[in-house]
């Protein structure tokens, strides 16, 4: 398929009086971008930092660039042609609603970046698997000789990349539900929805709101575009049905077999296969991938479908798939000690992510570390999966007791053989797991919880786990 070449320069639309909500990395980047255009496309830039915001070097720098910076309040006042909201600010929050009341429109940073440079975008969303899939799409494009960068929720802000964008460059955007909730015109040439399972309900209020935010990734697609959608849950199937009714090309993701249709990405036994408009490509065997687990086979299929749609050859897709390595904190091998493997899956901050991680290992060989900040999530499905696949579960942290109780109840109900233990903190859980694990088994940190009872983020939690493994390896080598 041919795509219009992208331009490294922004469109010349006048933006008028602009407002930025939030002073985190997103708000700062958007404010700097707008400030550079004061007097040409931008009439004014007003930044509202929020209740807890305070003056610092960054706020002073923005003021020196010509921005008005309002600190310590969420009472948005004025009249704005455009407001760009940071992703942490819920569309249902008083802060957001105050801005909406005095703005012609309120949009997200990815939406703003797309408007500034709208061609050659691919987009990925889902509750789990977004970062792996986004990174893999970028790598497959590069394997095919394209210039490509991963942006969005993955770390690099889209508006930052737009400023330095090369002609012909692909932007591969990982988009969270927060970012999608306020998109309006955003229109990638191909996009993927990996899954929808309960998460972020404090932000979205209901599952229907959450699913609707995810579905917005496809809202402007037409018959020439490609929507890659898993059929693994009811929300995804419903969205796929509505897109089919609109005449959008839907590529169905299925790891259980060929779902039929002119566009599909599926496992045929162990073989990853992508069919686009009736043209079938047998790619690689699942056992040739360095990323393990059924969910990662789905991620690889999704990435391959997007890359093929963008023009990467099947041969380059094959080589790129085989070269791709596990990302940090996502089923990341981090050492072997006394025949026991240690794997860091700290990114598993919800129950669905942990359930998927369990598929990467042989049943009965897993010593699971689960726990952390208690989101109050329903645990029945996780308990079933853990009892079916794990030999030992060590539950820790704020959510530890509740998780352990769910595991024990399921174990008793199913007459299972799961051994359940509790520990106060992650390090205690690690030390207990090490003492319980046998050669040939895997100690898996896949918490099913956020990290905020003990750590600032899942990355810090994963680094701590890896440091514990590294220390034990060093101690053994020194003996």
Foldseek 3Di string as FASTA:
>chain_A
DDWDKWDLFFDQAAFEEEEEEADDPLSLLVLVVQLVCDPRRYPAYEYEHAQPDDDDPSVVVSVVSPHHYHYRHLQDDDAGAEYEYELVAFCPDPSNVNVVVRYPAYAYQVLVLCNGIPTQEEEEEEPDDLLVLLVLLQLLCVLLVFAEDEEEPNPHHSNVCSNRPDIRYHYYYYYALSRQLRHDQRDYQEYEYQYQDDDPCVRQVDSVSSLVSVLSNCVPDAQRGEYEFEPPDDSRVVSQVVVVVRNHHYEYEEAVDDPDDQFYWYQPPQWTWTGHNNRIDTADGVVLAQDFFSSVSSSLSVSLNVNVSVPRDSVSSNVSRNPDHDDAQCQAWQDDDQQETEGGNLVQAALVSVLRSLRRDAAAQEEEEAEADCPVDDCQVSLVSCLGRYQEYEAEAPCRVVNLVNNVVVCVVVVGNYHYHYDHDPVRSLVVSVVVHHRPHYYYYNHNRFHPRPDPGSNVVRVVSSVVVVVVVVVVVVD
